[in-house]
Amino acid sequence: MLEFSPEDFWKAVILYGLNQATYKIALGKTLLKLVADGQSEVPWETLSKEFLNQYLERLSGSQQFPQQANPARLTKMEQIVRGYQTGKLSLDQAISEVGATAFNDVIHRFHNLGQFEINDSLQGMFYEFDFGKKLILRDSLAHIIESGRNELESELDARWSLLEGAFSIRHDDYQLTNDLRLTYIEKGYKRTNLTTNVPFLQGYQGNVCFYCGEPVEPSDVHVDHVLPRQVVQHDEIWNLVLCHSFCNEQKSDKLVGAHFLRKLMARNENIIGSNHPWKNKIKQQLGITPEERRRNLKSHYTRVREILGPYYWTGSPHFDPEHDSFYRRLITVLNNGSQF
C-alpha cells in the first residue's frame, strides 16, 4: 500500500474535496493561522472569531463574489458578515452567530474527499473536536506548515478564487445582485414564529393552498414567503401565504412565476378591503393606492429576480392559473374587480 504524507492528504482535501460553498477553504486558512499562532486546543469562540476574520477579510472590498453554488441563497457566513458590516450585529454577536450556526457541516466534513473512499483513520488527521466546545489540533497540522505555509496559503487563496469565479458564472451581474441583497439585509430582521398568522391568512385565502388551490389539512398547513425570505429578510404579512408542506418544499427558495405575483397582489387587496388593522401596515409598506401597491410589489419581484436569476418555480403541473377558484370568490371580485 502506498504511503502518503500529511502534505499529500492536505492538498487532496483542498483541491479535490467537493465544494458547494467556500467554507472548507475558509476553515483551511483558519487552521493554518491557529497552528501558526501556537494554538493546540482551540476554544470554540477562538475558532469562531478566526473563521469570521477570514470572511471579513475576503468580503471587505467593494468587489464581492458569491460564496456558494446556489444562486438562490446567501451562505450563513455571508449573512453574518453583512449583518456586521451594516451594524445589525456587533462583533461579539457576529462571533457568537458563527459559533452557533456556521460549523454544522464543515467541521464534520473537512477531511472528506468527495467521491473518493478514504480510510477512517484519516478523518481526524488534522484535528479532533468536541463540537461547540473546542477543536484539538493534531501534530500533523503543525508538521505541514513547517514545510511551507506560504505555498499552502497560496493554494487556498487560489482555490477560493476559483470557486468564487465558478459561482459567479451562475449569475450575469453579481455585483448588482449583491447590492440588492445588501439593501434587503439592511432593512431585514430575524425570523419570527409565523404560526400565529395562520388563522388570519385563512380568512383571506380560504382553507386552500395558495400554490395548487387544493384543500389543506390543518396538520399540513405551512406559512410560506412568496418572495423567498432568504432574499427579502422579513416576515411581513403582505408576502405570507398558506400552502401544503409539499408545495412549500417544491418551491423552496425559488422565484415564483408571475401569475403567483398577480395572485399575491389580489390577496393583499382582499386584506386592504377589510377592516383588519393589518391593512394599514400593508399600505405603509406597499403604498396607499392599488396602483402604488402593484408597482411596489412588482419592483420587489424584479429585484428578487435580479438576485435569483432564472431560478423559477411555476407550481404544480396540475395547477391552471386561468381556472384558479381564488379569483371566483366573492371577496376577490369585490376587492379587485376586473383589474386582475
Protein backbone atom coordinates (compact mmCIF):
# COMPACT_ATOMS: atom_id res chain seq x y z
CA MET A 1 0.00 0.00 0.00
CA LEU A 2 1.31 3.46 -0.89
CA GLU A 3 2.21 5.75 1.98
CA PHE A 4 1.03 9.36 1.77
CA SER A 5 2.34 12.29 3.78
CA PRO A 6 0.16 14.77 5.68
CA GLU A 7 1.01 17.31 2.95
CA ASP A 8 -0.39 14.95 0.31
CA PHE A 9 -3.61 14.49 2.19
CA TRP A 10 -3.96 18.22 2.94
CA LYS A 11 -3.61 19.13 -0.73
CA ALA A 12 -6.08 16.42 -1.69
CA VAL A 13 -8.62 17.79 0.79
CA ILE A 14 -8.21 21.33 -0.51
CA LEU A 15 -8.04 20.56 -4.22
CA TYR A 16 -10.38 17.59 -4.61
CA GLY A 17 -12.97 17.90 -1.89
CA LEU A 18 -16.48 18.66 -3.12
CA ASN A 19 -17.19 22.37 -2.71
CA GLN A 20 -20.74 23.70 -2.85
CA ALA A 21 -19.53 26.68 -0.81
CA THR A 22 -16.24 28.22 0.34
CA TYR A 23 -16.43 27.00 3.96
CA LYS A 24 -13.77 24.31 3.59
CA ILE A 25 -11.30 26.80 2.17
CA ALA A 26 -12.01 29.30 4.94
CA LEU A 27 -11.59 26.57 7.57
CA GLY A 28 -8.28 25.54 5.96
CA LYS A 29 -6.99 29.11 6.25
CA THR A 30 -8.30 29.26 9.82
CA LEU A 31 -6.46 26.08 10.79
CA LEU A 32 -3.17 27.31 9.32
CA LYS A 33 -3.48 30.61 11.20
CA LEU A 34 -4.30 28.93 14.51
CA VAL A 35 -1.45 26.44 14.36
CA ALA A 36 0.98 29.17 13.24
CA ASP A 37 -0.06 31.13 16.35
CA GLY A 38 0.94 28.17 18.51
CA GLN A 39 -2.60 27.02 19.27
CA SER A 40 -3.27 23.37 20.01
CA GLU A 41 -6.52 23.19 21.99
CA VAL A 42 -8.73 25.88 20.49
CA PRO A 43 -11.83 27.12 22.32
CA TRP A 44 -14.94 27.34 20.12
CA GLU A 45 -15.08 31.13 20.48
CA THR A 46 -11.48 31.47 19.27
CA LEU A 47 -12.22 29.23 16.31
CA SER A 48 -15.35 31.25 15.52
CA LYS A 49 -13.50 34.55 15.71
CA GLU A 50 -10.74 33.47 13.32
CA PHE A 51 -13.21 31.89 10.90
CA LEU A 52 -15.16 35.16 10.89
CA ASN A 53 -11.92 37.10 10.31
CA GLN A 54 -11.26 35.07 7.17
CA TYR A 55 -14.62 36.07 5.72
CA LEU A 56 -14.39 39.69 6.89
CA GLU A 57 -11.10 39.96 5.03
CA ARG A 58 -12.43 38.17 1.96
CA LEU A 59 -15.66 40.18 1.75
CA SER A 60 -14.29 43.57 2.77
CA GLY A 61 -13.87 45.18 -0.65
CA SER A 62 -16.45 46.64 -3.00
CA GLN A 63 -15.97 43.74 -5.42
CA GLN A 64 -17.51 40.79 -3.61
CA PHE A 65 -18.34 37.42 -5.11
CA PRO A 66 -20.84 34.67 -4.26
CA GLN A 67 -19.73 32.10 -1.71
CA GLN A 68 -21.83 29.14 -2.79
CA ALA A 69 -23.20 27.50 -5.92
CA ASN A 70 -26.91 28.02 -5.33
CA PRO A 71 -27.83 31.50 -6.61
CA ALA A 72 -31.00 31.47 -4.52
CA ARG A 73 -29.13 31.55 -1.23
CA LEU A 74 -26.58 33.50 0.74
CA THR A 75 -24.35 31.36 2.93
CA LYS A 76 -24.77 31.80 6.65
CA MET A 77 -21.35 33.44 6.74
CA GLU A 78 -22.36 35.99 4.10
CA GLN A 79 -25.43 36.83 6.17
CA ILE A 80 -23.36 37.24 9.33
CA VAL A 81 -20.73 39.37 7.58
CA ARG A 82 -23.42 41.59 6.03
CA GLY A 83 -25.09 41.91 9.41
CA TYR A 84 -21.81 43.03 10.96
CA GLN A 85 -20.96 45.39 8.09
CA THR A 86 -24.35 47.08 8.25
CA GLY A 87 -24.28 47.45 12.05
CA LYS A 88 -27.06 44.97 12.76
CA LEU A 89 -24.61 42.75 14.64
CA SER A 90 -21.81 43.75 16.99
CA LEU A 91 -18.51 41.91 16.68
CA ASP A 92 -19.31 39.77 19.71
CA GLN A 93 -22.75 38.96 18.31
CA ALA A 94 -21.25 38.05 14.94
CA ILE A 95 -18.70 35.73 16.58
CA SER A 96 -21.48 34.10 18.60
CA GLU A 97 -23.59 33.59 15.45
CA VAL A 98 -20.64 31.94 13.70
CA GLY A 99 -20.10 29.54 16.58
CA ALA A 100 -23.78 28.66 16.82
CA THR A 101 -24.65 28.28 13.14
CA ALA A 102 -21.69 28.14 10.74
CA PHE A 103 -19.87 24.91 11.60
CA ASN A 104 -22.57 22.25 11.40
CA ASP A 105 -21.28 20.75 8.14
CA VAL A 106 -17.73 21.92 7.59
CA ILE A 107 -16.24 20.72 10.89
CA HIS A 108 -17.60 17.21 10.32
CA ARG A 109 -16.74 17.03 6.61
CA PHE A 110 -13.44 18.87 6.26
CA HIS A 111 -11.44 15.66 5.85
CA ASN A 112 -13.77 14.24 3.20
CA LEU A 113 -12.53 13.79 -0.37
CA GLY A 114 -15.83 13.95 -2.16
CA GLN A 115 -16.31 10.86 -4.32
CA PHE A 116 -13.12 9.15 -3.15
CA GLU A 117 -13.08 6.48 -0.47
CA ILE A 118 -10.75 7.26 2.42
CA ASN A 119 -9.62 5.31 5.44
CA ASP A 120 -11.45 6.15 8.68
CA SER A 121 -8.12 6.85 10.36
CA LEU A 122 -7.65 9.85 8.08
CA GLN A 123 -10.83 11.54 9.28
CA GLY A 124 -9.06 13.07 12.27
CA MET A 125 -5.68 13.67 10.66
CA PHE A 126 -5.60 17.43 11.24
CA TYR A 127 -7.92 17.90 14.19
CA GLU A 128 -10.37 16.31 16.57
CA PHE A 129 -13.30 18.21 18.04
CA ASP A 130 -15.77 18.44 20.85
CA PHE A 131 -18.48 20.13 18.84
CA GLY A 132 -19.49 23.52 20.20
CA LYS A 133 -16.69 23.49 22.76
CA LYS A 134 -13.23 23.08 21.27
CA LEU A 135 -11.04 21.95 18.40
CA ILE A 136 -7.89 19.92 19.15
CA LEU A 137 -5.21 20.44 16.51
CA ARG A 138 -3.04 17.45 15.63
CA ASP A 139 0.75 17.37 15.22
CA SER A 140 0.30 16.61 11.52
CA LEU A 141 -1.06 20.13 11.05
CA ALA A 142 1.99 21.67 12.69
CA HIS A 143 4.17 19.45 10.51
CA ILE A 144 2.73 20.64 7.19
CA ILE A 145 3.23 24.35 7.90
CA GLU A 146 6.87 23.71 8.72
CA SER A 147 7.38 22.58 5.14
CA GLY A 148 5.91 25.74 3.63
CA ARG A 149 2.97 27.74 4.96
CA ASN A 150 3.18 30.33 2.16
CA GLU A 151 2.62 27.69 -0.50
CA LEU A 152 -0.33 26.26 1.38
CA GLU A 153 -1.83 29.72 1.82
CA SER A 154 -1.39 30.46 -1.88
CA GLU A 155 -3.14 27.23 -2.84
CA LEU A 156 -6.04 28.05 -0.54
CA ASP A 157 -6.36 31.58 -1.94
CA ALA A 158 -6.25 30.27 -5.50
CA ARG A 159 -8.89 27.64 -4.74
CA TRP A 160 -11.12 30.24 -3.06
CA SER A 161 -10.87 32.50 -6.12
CA LEU A 162 -11.62 29.61 -8.46
CA LEU A 163 -14.75 28.74 -6.51
CA GLU A 164 -15.95 32.34 -6.46
CA GLY A 165 -15.39 32.55 -10.19
CA ALA A 166 -17.34 29.35 -10.81
CA PHE A 167 -20.19 30.52 -8.59
CA SER A 168 -20.26 33.93 -10.33
CA ILE A 169 -20.78 32.28 -13.72
CA ARG A 170 -24.21 31.22 -12.44
CA HIS A 171 -25.22 34.89 -12.47
CA ASP A 172 -24.79 37.51 -15.19
CA ASP A 173 -24.36 40.56 -12.93
CA TYR A 174 -23.41 39.51 -9.44
CA GLN A 175 -22.33 42.96 -8.30
CA LEU A 176 -25.82 44.32 -8.96
CA THR A 177 -27.43 41.41 -7.13
CA ASN A 178 -25.01 41.81 -4.25
CA ASP A 179 -26.04 45.46 -3.89
CA LEU A 180 -29.72 44.46 -3.93
CA ARG A 181 -29.14 41.75 -1.33
CA LEU A 182 -27.42 44.31 0.90
CA THR A 183 -30.44 46.60 0.61
CA TYR A 184 -32.75 43.87 1.90
CA ILE A 185 -30.34 42.76 4.62
CA GLU A 186 -30.03 46.33 5.94
CA LYS A 187 -33.80 46.55 6.30
CA GLY A 188 -34.37 42.95 7.38
CA TYR A 189 -34.83 41.32 10.75
CA LYS A 190 -34.59 37.91 12.34
CA ARG A 191 -37.16 35.24 11.52
CA THR A 192 -40.17 35.16 13.83
CA ASN A 193 -42.73 32.47 14.67
CA LEU A 194 -45.29 32.58 11.86
CA THR A 195 -47.85 30.08 13.13
CA THR A 196 -49.89 32.82 14.82
CA ASN A 197 -50.64 34.21 11.33
CA VAL A 198 -52.43 31.03 10.16
CA PRO A 199 -56.00 31.96 11.29
CA PHE A 200 -55.63 35.47 9.87
CA LEU A 201 -54.36 34.25 6.50
CA GLN A 202 -57.05 31.58 6.26
CA GLY A 203 -59.68 34.28 6.40
CA TYR A 204 -58.42 35.92 3.22
CA GLN A 205 -57.15 32.87 1.39
CA GLY A 206 -59.66 30.24 2.38
CA ASN A 207 -58.64 26.80 3.56
CA VAL A 208 -56.77 26.01 0.34
CA CYS A 209 -53.15 26.02 -0.74
CA PHE A 210 -52.04 29.29 -2.36
CA TYR A 211 -49.97 27.43 -4.95
CA CYS A 212 -52.07 24.46 -6.05
CA GLY A 213 -55.57 25.52 -4.98
CA GLU A 214 -56.30 22.20 -3.24
CA PRO A 215 -57.69 21.97 0.32
CA VAL A 216 -55.12 21.96 3.13
CA GLU A 217 -55.48 19.71 6.16
CA PRO A 218 -54.95 21.55 9.49
CA SER A 219 -51.99 19.29 10.25
CA ASP A 220 -50.32 20.19 6.95
CA VAL A 221 -50.61 24.00 6.88
CA HIS A 222 -47.36 25.85 6.20
CA VAL A 223 -46.80 29.61 6.17
CA ASP A 224 -44.63 30.49 3.19
CA HIS A 225 -42.88 33.61 1.91
CA VAL A 226 -43.91 34.11 -1.73
CA LEU A 227 -40.75 36.13 -2.36
CA PRO A 228 -38.10 33.99 -0.61
CA ARG A 229 -37.18 35.12 2.87
CA GLN A 230 -33.58 34.27 2.10
CA VAL A 231 -33.67 37.41 -0.05
CA VAL A 232 -36.25 39.77 1.43
CA GLN A 233 -35.16 39.14 5.05
CA HIS A 234 -38.54 39.85 6.67
CA ASP A 235 -41.83 38.21 7.66
CA GLU A 236 -44.24 40.97 6.60
CA ILE A 237 -47.82 39.83 6.10
CA TRP A 238 -48.02 41.11 2.50
CA ASN A 239 -45.56 38.37 1.48
CA LEU A 240 -47.01 35.48 3.52
CA VAL A 241 -49.41 32.79 2.28
CA LEU A 242 -50.63 29.36 3.38
CA CYS A 243 -49.71 26.22 1.48
CA HIS A 244 -49.17 22.46 1.68
CA SER A 245 -45.86 21.23 3.06
CA PHE A 246 -45.23 19.52 -0.29
CA CYS A 247 -45.75 22.74 -2.28
CA ASN A 248 -43.58 24.61 0.21
CA GLU A 249 -40.76 22.10 -0.20
CA GLN A 250 -41.07 22.09 -4.00
CA LYS A 251 -40.95 25.88 -4.17
CA SER A 252 -38.13 26.15 -1.63
CA ASP A 253 -36.14 29.38 -2.26
CA LYS A 254 -37.05 29.67 -5.92
CA LEU A 255 -38.74 32.64 -7.54
CA VAL A 256 -42.42 32.00 -8.32
CA GLY A 257 -43.96 32.54 -11.74
CA ALA A 258 -45.57 35.92 -12.46
CA HIS A 259 -49.12 34.50 -12.10
CA PHE A 260 -48.44 33.93 -8.39
CA LEU A 261 -47.33 37.55 -8.06
CA ARG A 262 -50.67 38.66 -9.53
CA LYS A 263 -52.45 36.37 -7.09
CA LEU A 264 -50.48 37.83 -4.18
CA MET A 265 -51.49 41.32 -5.30
CA ALA A 266 -55.13 40.27 -5.34
CA ARG A 267 -54.87 38.61 -1.92
CA ASN A 268 -53.34 41.78 -0.48
CA GLU A 269 -56.20 43.83 -1.91
CA ASN A 270 -58.59 41.49 -0.09
CA ILE A 271 -56.86 42.45 3.17
CA ILE A 272 -56.90 46.14 2.24
CA GLY A 273 -60.64 45.89 1.58
CA SER A 274 -61.31 44.65 5.11
CA ASN A 275 -61.28 46.43 8.46
CA HIS A 276 -58.35 44.49 9.85
CA PRO A 277 -55.53 46.65 11.30
CA TRP A 278 -53.02 44.85 9.07
CA LYS A 279 -54.37 46.79 6.09
CA ASN A 280 -52.76 49.99 7.37
CA LYS A 281 -49.38 48.31 7.71
CA ILE A 282 -49.60 46.97 4.15
CA LYS A 283 -50.44 50.49 2.97
CA GLN A 284 -47.39 51.85 4.79
CA GLN A 285 -45.13 49.23 3.23
CA LEU A 286 -46.51 48.98 -0.32
CA GLY A 287 -48.45 52.18 -0.95
CA ILE A 288 -51.74 53.99 -0.36
CA THR A 289 -53.38 53.29 -3.71
CA PRO A 290 -53.82 49.96 -5.53
CA GLU A 291 -51.59 51.22 -8.32
CA GLU A 292 -48.80 52.12 -5.88
CA ARG A 293 -49.06 48.71 -4.24
CA ARG A 294 -48.93 46.89 -7.57
CA ARG A 295 -45.98 48.97 -8.71
CA ASN A 296 -44.02 48.44 -5.48
CA LEU A 297 -44.73 44.72 -5.36
CA LYS A 298 -43.60 44.39 -8.98
CA SER A 299 -40.44 46.30 -8.04
CA HIS A 300 -39.72 43.81 -5.23
CA TYR A 301 -40.35 40.93 -7.62
CA THR A 302 -37.96 42.41 -10.20
CA ARG A 303 -35.23 42.89 -7.59
CA VAL A 304 -35.62 39.34 -6.31
CA ARG A 305 -35.47 38.08 -9.90
CA GLU A 306 -32.20 40.02 -10.39
CA ILE A 307 -30.80 38.25 -7.35
CA LEU A 308 -32.05 34.74 -8.04
CA GLY A 309 -31.68 34.73 -11.80
CA PRO A 310 -33.54 32.13 -13.92
CA TYR A 311 -34.48 30.02 -10.93
CA TYR A 312 -38.26 29.83 -11.32
CA TRP A 313 -40.92 27.61 -9.82
CA THR A 314 -44.27 27.81 -11.59
CA GLY A 315 -46.22 25.49 -9.33
CA SER A 316 -47.83 22.08 -9.53
CA PRO A 317 -48.12 20.74 -13.10
CA HIS A 318 -51.84 20.30 -12.42
CA PHE A 319 -52.37 23.95 -11.43
CA ASP A 320 -54.03 26.14 -14.05
CA PRO A 321 -53.86 29.85 -13.15
CA GLU A 322 -56.62 30.62 -15.65
CA HIS A 323 -59.08 28.49 -13.66
CA ASP A 324 -57.90 29.32 -10.14
CA SER A 325 -61.01 29.36 -7.94
CA PHE A 326 -59.47 32.15 -5.82
CA TYR A 327 -60.48 34.67 -8.50
CA ARG A 328 -64.09 33.48 -8.45
CA ARG A 329 -64.55 34.11 -4.73
CA LEU A 330 -66.89 36.97 -3.87
CA ILE A 331 -64.33 38.74 -1.69
CA THR A 332 -61.78 38.73 -4.51
CA VAL A 333 -64.26 40.04 -7.08
CA LEU A 334 -65.42 42.79 -4.71
CA ASN A 335 -61.94 43.94 -3.73
CA ASN A 336 -60.23 43.60 -7.08
CA GLY A 337 -62.94 43.99 -9.70
CA SER A 338 -61.62 43.22 -13.18
CA GLN A 339 -58.13 44.71 -12.75
CA PHE A 340 -56.53 41.27 -12.28
